[in-house]
């Protein structure tokens, strides 16, 4: 089956609806918490004292609250496109944080108005070149973007098991660390630095994995996904092909990419289609 990049990546509206329904987000956001703690630790090396800091894709506001605690004199904004997440952030982030509705590809912020953007696991849900271009536009000269995202080896066990069942997309594509660095540079950011780590999460059964993914809104909303129900027979064949250890548990891989890049001062918002960068789909869909 021939696939386009839009087939392999999430549909924006479908992803937003999934997060609107993620009412149990905080019960299963342990990967988000781990990634956030690593990003916050990196702020010791960045050594910024921002007057305006943004938690982009703020979800329930934990990142925004951490930024407000670290920089009590800063104006901290929690930005998200999901109304459900914005409501949760407004309730949980606390008084110092202002919650703002906005899309990562079109931030409701002036150019050159922000010294720090924290983007924790929002890149898997949008086109990275568009997020990077908006970060480059809103950051001051010397401002910093810190981000965490998922690499193409994430959930490779699930992808491989489904590949033996049908040829549809069941796990979203993800960009390689090196491609992300190139996209950041092309978008106008400076000196991107990225590194990768792998986390193994084990489950007693598939139901536990599905429960966690649904809780954090990480359901399959790829453009090329199967639109009909998977079916009991196909699902059973998928479960049979998951690798199970001697203890009866199975493990899934999370490839965690952490990065930072620097602003060069305000740049013009790119015209629609002018900043598109093509990455071959073979580069982002590892087998």
C-alpha atoms as a PDB file:
ATOM      1  CA  UNK A   1       0.000   0.000   0.000  1.00  0.00           C
ATOM      2  CA  UNK A   2       1.344   3.435  -0.967  1.00  0.00           C
ATOM      3  CA  UNK A   3       1.327   5.920   1.904  1.00  0.00           C
ATOM      4  CA  UNK A   4       1.791   9.662   2.095  1.00  0.00           C
ATOM      5  CA  UNK A   5       3.143  11.607   5.055  1.00  0.00           C
ATOM      6  CA  UNK A   6      -0.369  12.820   5.832  1.00  0.00           C
ATOM      7  CA  UNK A   7      -1.513   9.191   5.979  1.00  0.00           C
ATOM      8  CA  UNK A   8       1.157   8.336   8.538  1.00  0.00           C
ATOM      9  CA  UNK A   9       0.801  11.383  10.803  1.00  0.00           C
ATOM     10  CA  UNK A  10      -2.102  12.335  13.103  1.00  0.00           C
ATOM     11  CA  UNK A  11      -5.095  14.282  11.843  1.00  0.00           C
ATOM     12  CA  UNK A  12      -5.161  17.546  13.790  1.00  0.00           C
ATOM     13  CA  UNK A  13      -8.899  17.652  14.477  1.00  0.00           C
ATOM     14  CA  UNK A  14      -9.093  13.983  15.424  1.00  0.00           C
ATOM     15  CA  UNK A  15      -6.165  14.412  17.817  1.00  0.00           C
ATOM     16  CA  UNK A  16      -7.860  17.398  19.428  1.00  0.00           C
ATOM     17  CA  UNK A  17     -11.052  15.391  19.949  1.00  0.00           C
ATOM     18  CA  UNK A  18      -9.029  12.571  21.517  1.00  0.00           C
ATOM     19  CA  UNK A  19      -7.475  14.954  24.038  1.00  0.00           C
ATOM     20  CA  UNK A  20     -10.850  16.519  24.770  1.00  0.00           C
ATOM     21  CA  UNK A  21     -11.978  13.034  25.848  1.00  0.00           C
ATOM     22  CA  UNK A  22      -8.821  12.245  27.871  1.00  0.00           C
ATOM     23  CA  UNK A  23     -10.497  12.746  31.253  1.00  0.00           C
ATOM     24  CA  UNK A  24      -8.140  10.284  32.992  1.00  0.00           C
ATOM     25  CA  UNK A  25      -4.954  11.904  31.663  1.00  0.00           C
ATOM     26  CA  UNK A  26      -3.252  12.257  35.018  1.00  0.00           C
ATOM     27  CA  UNK A  27      -3.778   8.586  35.849  1.00  0.00           C
ATOM     28  CA  UNK A  28      -1.391   7.469  33.090  1.00  0.00           C
ATOM     29  CA  UNK A  29       0.874  10.384  32.140  1.00  0.00           C
ATOM     30  CA  UNK A  30       4.051   8.826  33.559  1.00  0.00           C
ATOM     31  CA  UNK A  31       5.976   9.211  30.266  1.00  0.00           C
ATOM     32  CA  UNK A  32       4.950  12.879  30.134  1.00  0.00           C
ATOM     33  CA  UNK A  33       6.124  13.285  33.727  1.00  0.00           C
ATOM     34  CA  UNK A  34       9.472  11.645  33.013  1.00  0.00           C
ATOM     35  CA  UNK A  35      10.056  13.742  29.896  1.00  0.00           C
ATOM     36  CA  UNK A  36       9.047  16.931  31.706  1.00  0.00           C
ATOM     37  CA  UNK A  37      11.388  16.281  34.619  1.00  0.00           C
ATOM     38  CA  UNK A  38      14.264  15.844  32.184  1.00  0.00           C
ATOM     39  CA  UNK A  39      13.390  19.074  30.372  1.00  0.00           C
ATOM     40  CA  UNK A  40      13.101  21.027  33.620  1.00  0.00           C
ATOM     41  CA  UNK A  41      16.505  19.669  34.701  1.00  0.00           C
ATOM     42  CA  UNK A  42      17.993  21.043  31.466  1.00  0.00           C
ATOM     43  CA  UNK A  43      16.975  24.539  32.480  1.00  0.00           C
ATOM     44  CA  UNK A  44      19.967  24.501  34.844  1.00  0.00           C
ATOM     45  CA  UNK A  45      22.182  24.514  31.756  1.00  0.00           C
ATOM     46  CA  UNK A  46      20.148  27.041  29.767  1.00  0.00           C
ATOM     47  CA  UNK A  47      20.467  29.676  32.524  1.00  0.00           C
ATOM     48  CA  UNK A  48      17.637  31.881  31.337  1.00  0.00           C
ATOM     49  CA  UNK A  49      15.628  34.226  33.528  1.00  0.00           C
ATOM     50  CA  UNK A  50      12.544  34.649  31.355  1.00  0.00           C
ATOM     51  CA  UNK A  51       9.983  37.370  31.685  1.00  0.00           C
ATOM     52  CA  UNK A  52       7.554  35.295  29.571  1.00  0.00           C
ATOM     53  CA  UNK A  53       7.604  31.482  29.495  1.00  0.00           C
ATOM     54  CA  UNK A  54       5.230  29.219  27.556  1.00  0.00           C
ATOM     55  CA  UNK A  55       4.205  25.637  28.282  1.00  0.00           C
ATOM     56  CA  UNK A  56       3.163  24.626  24.767  1.00  0.00           C
ATOM     57  CA  UNK A  57       0.745  21.721  24.657  1.00  0.00           C
ATOM     58  CA  UNK A  58       0.244  22.230  28.367  1.00  0.00           C
ATOM     59  CA  UNK A  59      -2.266  19.374  28.894  1.00  0.00           C
ATOM     60  CA  UNK A  60      -3.291  19.502  32.568  1.00  0.00           C
ATOM     61  CA  UNK A  61      -0.796  22.265  33.364  1.00  0.00           C
ATOM     62  CA  UNK A  62       1.940  20.403  35.229  1.00  0.00           C
ATOM     63  CA  UNK A  63       4.671  21.938  33.078  1.00  0.00           C
ATOM     64  CA  UNK A  64       3.256  25.429  33.448  1.00  0.00           C
ATOM     65  CA  UNK A  65       3.095  24.984  37.219  1.00  0.00           C
ATOM     66  CA  UNK A  66       6.737  23.836  37.262  1.00  0.00           C
ATOM     67  CA  UNK A  67       7.790  26.890  35.243  1.00  0.00           C
ATOM     68  CA  UNK A  68       5.846  29.213  37.557  1.00  0.00           C
ATOM     69  CA  UNK A  69       7.542  27.684  40.600  1.00  0.00           C
ATOM     70  CA  UNK A  70      10.968  28.000  39.015  1.00  0.00           C
ATOM     71  CA  UNK A  71      10.473  31.542  37.682  1.00  0.00           C
ATOM     72  CA  UNK A  72       8.114  33.302  40.140  1.00  0.00           C
ATOM     73  CA  UNK A  73       8.657  36.706  38.499  1.00  0.00           C
ATOM     74  CA  UNK A  74       7.824  35.432  34.998  1.00  0.00           C
ATOM     75  CA  UNK A  75       4.515  35.552  33.182  1.00  0.00           C
ATOM     76  CA  UNK A  76       3.756  31.879  32.503  1.00  0.00           C
ATOM     77  CA  UNK A  77       1.320  30.875  29.768  1.00  0.00           C
ATOM     78  CA  UNK A  78      -0.157  27.410  29.330  1.00  0.00           C
ATOM     79  CA  UNK A  79      -1.142  26.973  25.674  1.00  0.00           C
ATOM     80  CA  UNK A  80      -3.180  24.087  24.273  1.00  0.00           C
ATOM     81  CA  UNK A  81      -5.619  23.531  21.412  1.00  0.00           C
ATOM     82  CA  UNK A  82      -7.809  21.093  23.365  1.00  0.00           C
ATOM     83  CA  UNK A  83     -10.662  22.674  25.303  1.00  0.00           C
ATOM     84  CA  UNK A  84     -10.698  19.709  27.673  1.00  0.00           C
ATOM     85  CA  UNK A  85      -7.009  20.093  28.462  1.00  0.00           C
ATOM     86  CA  UNK A  86      -7.365  23.862  28.895  1.00  0.00           C
ATOM     87  CA  UNK A  87     -10.124  23.357  31.458  1.00  0.00           C
ATOM     88  CA  UNK A  88      -7.974  20.869  33.354  1.00  0.00           C
ATOM     89  CA  UNK A  89      -4.975  23.207  33.234  1.00  0.00           C
ATOM     90  CA  UNK A  90      -7.006  26.156  34.455  1.00  0.00           C
ATOM     91  CA  UNK A  91      -8.191  24.088  37.400  1.00  0.00           C
ATOM     92  CA  UNK A  92      -4.848  22.501  38.232  1.00  0.00           C
ATOM     93  CA  UNK A  93      -2.005  24.837  37.294  1.00  0.00           C
ATOM     94  CA  UNK A  94      -2.702  27.471  39.918  1.00  0.00           C
ATOM     95  CA  UNK A  95      -3.090  31.241  40.092  1.00  0.00           C
ATOM     96  CA  UNK A  96       0.259  32.329  38.533  1.00  0.00           C
ATOM     97  CA  UNK A  97      -0.469  30.556  35.227  1.00  0.00           C
ATOM     98  CA  UNK A  98      -2.590  32.067  32.485  1.00  0.00           C
ATOM     99  CA  UNK A  99      -4.240  29.462  30.243  1.00  0.00           C
ATOM    100  CA  UNK A 100      -4.538  30.361  26.547  1.00  0.00           C
ATOM    101  CA  UNK A 101      -6.197  28.476  23.688  1.00  0.00           C
ATOM    102  CA  UNK A 102      -3.949  28.174  20.662  1.00  0.00           C
ATOM    103  CA  UNK A 103      -2.517  25.834  18.069  1.00  0.00           C
ATOM    104  CA  UNK A 104       1.175  24.959  17.949  1.00  0.00           C
ATOM    105  CA  UNK A 105       1.214  25.856  14.245  1.00  0.00           C
ATOM    106  CA  UNK A 106      -0.339  29.310  14.809  1.00  0.00           C
ATOM    107  CA  UNK A 107       0.467  30.631  18.261  1.00  0.00           C
ATOM    108  CA  UNK A 108      -1.585  33.612  19.500  1.00  0.00           C
ATOM    109  CA  UNK A 109       1.609  35.443  20.515  1.00  0.00           C
ATOM    110  CA  UNK A 110       3.562  38.389  19.151  1.00  0.00           C
ATOM    111  CA  UNK A 111       6.852  37.827  17.399  1.00  0.00           C
ATOM    112  CA  UNK A 112       9.899  38.057  19.646  1.00  0.00           C
ATOM    113  CA  UNK A 113       7.803  38.175  22.827  1.00  0.00           C
ATOM    114  CA  UNK A 114       8.863  34.964  24.618  1.00  0.00           C
ATOM    115  CA  UNK A 115      12.159  33.934  26.200  1.00  0.00           C
ATOM    116  CA  UNK A 116      11.320  30.287  26.879  1.00  0.00           C
ATOM    117  CA  UNK A 117       9.089  27.703  25.195  1.00  0.00           C
ATOM    118  CA  UNK A 118       8.671  24.281  26.792  1.00  0.00           C
ATOM    119  CA  UNK A 119       7.084  21.745  24.414  1.00  0.00           C
ATOM    120  CA  UNK A 120       6.635  18.447  26.220  1.00  0.00           C
ATOM    121  CA  UNK A 121       5.360  15.664  23.925  1.00  0.00           C
ATOM    122  CA  UNK A 122       3.369  17.983  21.699  1.00  0.00           C
ATOM    123  CA  UNK A 123       5.509  17.306  18.596  1.00  0.00           C
ATOM    124  CA  UNK A 124       4.050  13.803  18.080  1.00  0.00           C
ATOM    125  CA  UNK A 125       0.694  15.464  17.366  1.00  0.00           C
ATOM    126  CA  UNK A 126       1.699  18.132  14.849  1.00  0.00           C
ATOM    127  CA  UNK A 127       4.012  18.776  11.931  1.00  0.00           C
ATOM    128  CA  UNK A 128       7.379  19.576  13.540  1.00  0.00           C
ATOM    129  CA  UNK A 129       8.439  22.128  10.930  1.00  0.00           C
ATOM    130  CA  UNK A 130       5.355  24.198  11.743  1.00  0.00           C
ATOM    131  CA  UNK A 131       5.912  24.112  15.494  1.00  0.00           C
ATOM    132  CA  UNK A 132       9.591  24.994  14.993  1.00  0.00           C
ATOM    133  CA  UNK A 133       8.669  27.895  12.706  1.00  0.00           C
ATOM    134  CA  UNK A 134       6.266  29.303  15.282  1.00  0.00           C
ATOM    135  CA  UNK A 135       8.825  28.889  18.060  1.00  0.00           C
ATOM    136  CA  UNK A 136      11.373  30.730  15.911  1.00  0.00           C
ATOM    137  CA  UNK A 137       8.840  33.522  15.344  1.00  0.00           C
ATOM    138  CA  UNK A 138       7.829  34.103  18.971  1.00  0.00           C
ATOM    139  CA  UNK A 139      11.237  33.606  20.647  1.00  0.00           C
ATOM    140  CA  UNK A 140      13.513  36.495  21.433  1.00  0.00           C
ATOM    141  CA  UNK A 141      17.094  36.539  20.230  1.00  0.00           C
ATOM    142  CA  UNK A 142      18.740  34.084  22.627  1.00  0.00           C
ATOM    143  CA  UNK A 143      15.427  32.651  23.824  1.00  0.00           C
ATOM    144  CA  UNK A 144      15.206  28.878  24.124  1.00  0.00           C
ATOM    145  CA  UNK A 145      12.937  26.110  22.903  1.00  0.00           C
ATOM    146  CA  UNK A 146      13.141  22.916  24.955  1.00  0.00           C
ATOM    147  CA  UNK A 147      11.184  19.962  23.629  1.00  0.00           C
ATOM    148  CA  UNK A 148      10.569  16.272  24.174  1.00  0.00           C
ATOM    149  CA  UNK A 149       9.092  14.017  21.529  1.00  0.00           C
ATOM    150  CA  UNK A 150       8.852  10.375  20.503  1.00  0.00           C
ATOM    151  CA  UNK A 151      11.167   8.736  18.003  1.00  0.00           C
ATOM    152  CA  UNK A 152      10.202   6.195  15.323  1.00  0.00           C
ATOM    153  CA  UNK A 153      11.128   3.197  17.495  1.00  0.00           C
ATOM    154  CA  UNK A 154       8.349   4.053  19.964  1.00  0.00           C
ATOM    155  CA  UNK A 155       5.799   1.210  20.249  1.00  0.00           C
ATOM    156  CA  UNK A 156       7.784  -0.764  17.683  1.00  0.00           C
ATOM    157  CA  UNK A 157       6.447  -3.982  19.209  1.00  0.00           C
ATOM    158  CA  UNK A 158       2.866  -2.879  18.587  1.00  0.00           C
ATOM    159  CA  UNK A 159       3.684  -1.742  15.050  1.00  0.00           C
ATOM    160  CA  UNK A 160       5.365  -5.048  14.201  1.00  0.00           C
ATOM    161  CA  UNK A 161       2.516  -7.142  15.623  1.00  0.00           C
ATOM    162  CA  UNK A 162      -0.091  -5.221  13.640  1.00  0.00           C
ATOM    163  CA  UNK A 163       2.043  -5.384  10.480  1.00  0.00           C
ATOM    164  CA  UNK A 164       1.581  -9.159  10.544  1.00  0.00           C
ATOM    165  CA  UNK A 165      -2.206  -8.678  10.629  1.00  0.00           C
ATOM    166  CA  UNK A 166      -2.938  -6.009   8.015  1.00  0.00           C
ATOM    167  CA  UNK A 167      -1.303  -3.173   6.065  1.00  0.00           C
ATOM    168  CA  UNK A 168      -3.056  -0.250   7.761  1.00  0.00           C
ATOM    169  CA  UNK A 169      -1.429   2.270  10.078  1.00  0.00           C
ATOM    170  CA  UNK A 170      -1.924   1.500  13.765  1.00  0.00           C
ATOM    171  CA  UNK A 171       0.995   3.506  15.223  1.00  0.00           C
ATOM    172  CA  UNK A 172       1.709   7.048  14.086  1.00  0.00           C
ATOM    173  CA  UNK A 173       4.912   7.789  12.246  1.00  0.00           C
ATOM    174  CA  UNK A 174       7.578   9.754  14.109  1.00  0.00           C
ATOM    175  CA  UNK A 175      10.573  11.768  12.977  1.00  0.00           C
ATOM    176  CA  UNK A 176      14.169  10.705  13.464  1.00  0.00           C
ATOM    177  CA  UNK A 177      16.377  12.810  15.750  1.00  0.00           C
ATOM    178  CA  UNK A 178      18.576  13.945  12.852  1.00  0.00           C
ATOM    179  CA  UNK A 179      15.602  15.013  10.731  1.00  0.00           C
ATOM    180  CA  UNK A 180      14.236  17.026  13.654  1.00  0.00           C
ATOM    181  CA  UNK A 181      17.529  18.893  13.937  1.00  0.00           C
ATOM    182  CA  UNK A 182      17.452  19.699  10.221  1.00  0.00           C
ATOM    183  CA  UNK A 183      13.841  20.879  10.446  1.00  0.00           C
ATOM    184  CA  UNK A 184      14.646  23.130  13.415  1.00  0.00           C
ATOM    185  CA  UNK A 185      17.495  24.786  11.510  1.00  0.00           C
ATOM    186  CA  UNK A 186      15.401  25.224   8.382  1.00  0.00           C
ATOM    187  CA  UNK A 187      12.636  26.857  10.460  1.00  0.00           C
ATOM    188  CA  UNK A 188      15.003  29.563  11.682  1.00  0.00           C
ATOM    189  CA  UNK A 189      16.142  28.189  15.039  1.00  0.00           C
ATOM    190  CA  UNK A 190      19.823  28.111  15.943  1.00  0.00           C
ATOM    191  CA  UNK A 191      22.172  25.441  17.279  1.00  0.00           C
ATOM    192  CA  UNK A 192      19.743  22.566  17.844  1.00  0.00           C
ATOM    193  CA  UNK A 193      21.077  19.880  20.195  1.00  0.00           C
ATOM    194  CA  UNK A 194      19.227  16.573  20.472  1.00  0.00           C
ATOM    195  CA  UNK A 195      19.781  13.277  22.225  1.00  0.00           C
ATOM    196  CA  UNK A 196      17.795  10.084  22.543  1.00  0.00           C
ATOM    197  CA  UNK A 197      17.025   7.537  25.237  1.00  0.00           C
ATOM    198  CA  UNK A 198      14.907   4.411  25.312  1.00  0.00           C
ATOM    199  CA  UNK A 199      12.469   3.514  28.063  1.00  0.00           C
ATOM    200  CA  UNK A 200      10.919   0.067  28.409  1.00  0.00           C
ATOM    201  CA  UNK A 201       7.429  -0.181  29.879  1.00  0.00           C
ATOM    202  CA  UNK A 202       6.034  -3.598  30.771  1.00  0.00           C
ATOM    203  CA  UNK A 203       2.424  -4.707  31.029  1.00  0.00           C
ATOM    204  CA  UNK A 204       0.690  -7.801  32.331  1.00  0.00           C
ATOM    205  CA  UNK A 205      -1.813  -7.687  29.469  1.00  0.00           C
ATOM    206  CA  UNK A 206      -2.783  -5.693  26.400  1.00  0.00           C
ATOM    207  CA  UNK A 207      -5.749  -4.180  28.237  1.00  0.00           C
ATOM    208  CA  UNK A 208      -3.346  -2.273  30.504  1.00  0.00           C
ATOM    209  CA  UNK A 209      -1.514  -0.770  27.540  1.00  0.00           C
ATOM    210  CA  UNK A 210      -4.753   0.212  25.814  1.00  0.00           C
ATOM    211  CA  UNK A 211      -6.078   1.736  29.016  1.00  0.00           C
ATOM    212  CA  UNK A 212      -2.983   3.920  29.467  1.00  0.00           C
ATOM    213  CA  UNK A 213      -2.919   5.046  25.841  1.00  0.00           C
ATOM    214  CA  UNK A 214      -6.579   6.028  25.893  1.00  0.00           C
ATOM    215  CA  UNK A 215      -6.200   7.799  29.220  1.00  0.00           C
ATOM    216  CA  UNK A 216      -3.593  10.199  27.789  1.00  0.00           C
ATOM    217  CA  UNK A 217      -5.355  10.644  24.448  1.00  0.00           C
ATOM    218  CA  UNK A 218      -2.743   8.612  22.552  1.00  0.00           C
ATOM    219  CA  UNK A 219      -5.181   6.776  20.304  1.00  0.00           C
ATOM    220  CA  UNK A 220      -4.668   6.084  16.621  1.00  0.00           C
ATOM    221  CA  UNK A 221      -5.772   9.154  14.658  1.00  0.00           C
ATOM    222  CA  UNK A 222      -3.412   8.736  11.692  1.00  0.00           C
ATOM    223  CA  UNK A 223      -4.803   9.931   8.382  1.00  0.00           C
ATOM    224  CA  UNK A 224      -4.391   6.449   6.901  1.00  0.00           C
ATOM    225  CA  UNK A 225      -5.908   4.558   9.820  1.00  0.00           C
ATOM    226  CA  UNK A 226      -8.582   1.913   9.394  1.00  0.00           C
ATOM    227  CA  UNK A 227     -11.951   3.636   9.645  1.00  0.00           C
ATOM    228  CA  UNK A 228     -13.883   0.466  10.483  1.00  0.00           C
ATOM    229  CA  UNK A 229     -13.684  -1.582  13.681  1.00  0.00           C
ATOM    230  CA  UNK A 230     -10.642  -3.804  14.050  1.00  0.00           C
ATOM    231  CA  UNK A 231     -12.747  -6.889  14.720  1.00  0.00           C
ATOM    232  CA  UNK A 232     -12.302  -9.606  17.326  1.00  0.00           C
ATOM    233  CA  UNK A 233     -10.481 -12.005  15.001  1.00  0.00           C
ATOM    234  CA  UNK A 234      -7.954  -9.459  13.761  1.00  0.00           C
ATOM    235  CA  UNK A 235      -7.401  -8.201  17.304  1.00  0.00           C
ATOM    236  CA  UNK A 236      -6.750 -11.728  18.525  1.00  0.00           C
ATOM    237  CA  UNK A 237      -4.132 -12.271  15.808  1.00  0.00           C
ATOM    238  CA  UNK A 238      -2.457  -9.012  16.827  1.00  0.00           C
ATOM    239  CA  UNK A 239      -2.329 -10.027  20.504  1.00  0.00           C
ATOM    240  CA  UNK A 240      -0.832 -13.405  19.586  1.00  0.00           C
ATOM    241  CA  UNK A 241       2.093 -11.689  17.859  1.00  0.00           C
ATOM    242  CA  UNK A 242       3.109  -9.472  20.765  1.00  0.00           C
ATOM    243  CA  UNK A 243       6.399 -10.699  22.274  1.00  0.00           C
ATOM    244  CA  UNK A 244       5.777 -12.108  25.747  1.00  0.00           C
ATOM    245  CA  UNK A 245       8.552 -12.670  28.282  1.00  0.00           C
ATOM    246  CA  UNK A 246       9.086 -15.704  30.544  1.00  0.00           C
ATOM    247  CA  UNK A 247       7.069 -13.981  33.266  1.00  0.00           C
ATOM    248  CA  UNK A 248       4.065 -13.622  30.981  1.00  0.00           C
ATOM    249  CA  UNK A 249       4.454  -9.850  30.651  1.00  0.00           C
ATOM    250  CA  UNK A 250       5.195  -7.963  27.460  1.00  0.00           C
ATOM    251  CA  UNK A 251       7.267  -4.820  27.012  1.00  0.00           C
ATOM    252  CA  UNK A 252       6.855  -1.791  24.762  1.00  0.00           C
ATOM    253  CA  UNK A 253       9.599   0.626  23.790  1.00  0.00           C
ATOM    254  CA  UNK A 254       9.376   4.388  24.188  1.00  0.00           C
ATOM    255  CA  UNK A 255      12.078   6.180  22.204  1.00  0.00           C
ATOM    256  CA  UNK A 256      12.344   9.547  23.949  1.00  0.00           C
ATOM    257  CA  UNK A 257      14.028  12.398  22.079  1.00  0.00           C
ATOM    258  CA  UNK A 258      15.004  15.517  24.025  1.00  0.00           C
ATOM    259  CA  UNK A 259      16.158  18.674  22.311  1.00  0.00           C
ATOM    260  CA  UNK A 260      16.796  22.352  22.599  1.00  0.00           C
ATOM    261  CA  UNK A 261      17.333  25.163  20.118  1.00  0.00           C
ATOM    262  CA  UNK A 262      17.745  28.905  20.299  1.00  0.00           C
ATOM    263  CA  UNK A 263      15.802  31.835  18.930  1.00  0.00           C
ATOM    264  CA  UNK A 264      17.374  34.383  16.605  1.00  0.00           C
ATOM    265  CA  UNK A 265      14.843  37.119  17.232  1.00  0.00           C
ATOM    266  CA  UNK A 266      11.470  37.736  15.589  1.00  0.00           C
ATOM    267  CA  UNK A 267      10.943  36.323  12.117  1.00  0.00           C
ATOM    268  CA  UNK A 268       7.937  36.620   9.822  1.00  0.00           C
ATOM    269  CA  UNK A 269       5.196  34.020  10.051  1.00  0.00           C
ATOM    270  CA  UNK A 270       5.663  31.815   6.952  1.00  0.00           C
ATOM    271  CA  UNK A 271       2.985  31.830   4.301  1.00  0.00           C
ATOM    272  CA  UNK A 272       0.889  28.680   3.968  1.00  0.00           C
ATOM    273  CA  UNK A 273       2.899  26.022   2.179  1.00  0.00           C
ATOM    274  CA  UNK A 274       6.096  28.074   2.048  1.00  0.00           C
ATOM    275  CA  UNK A 275       7.849  26.258   4.888  1.00  0.00           C
ATOM    276  CA  UNK A 276       6.936  22.708   3.906  1.00  0.00           C
ATOM    277  CA  UNK A 277       9.902  20.363   4.127  1.00  0.00           C
ATOM    278  CA  UNK A 278       9.617  16.894   2.688  1.00  0.00           C
ATOM    279  CA  UNK A 279      10.954  13.907   4.589  1.00  0.00           C
ATOM    280  CA  UNK A 280      10.655  10.503   2.892  1.00  0.00           C
ATOM    281  CA  UNK A 281       8.149   8.362   4.715  1.00  0.00           C
ATOM    282  CA  UNK A 282      10.682   5.513   4.829  1.00  0.00           C
ATOM    283  CA  UNK A 283      12.759   7.689   7.177  1.00  0.00           C
ATOM    284  CA  UNK A 284      10.030   7.966   9.783  1.00  0.00           C
ATOM    285  CA  UNK A 285       8.404   4.510   9.654  1.00  0.00           C
ATOM    286  CA  UNK A 286      10.998   2.020  10.817  1.00  0.00           C
ATOM    287  CA  UNK A 287      10.207  -1.675  10.743  1.00  0.00           C
END
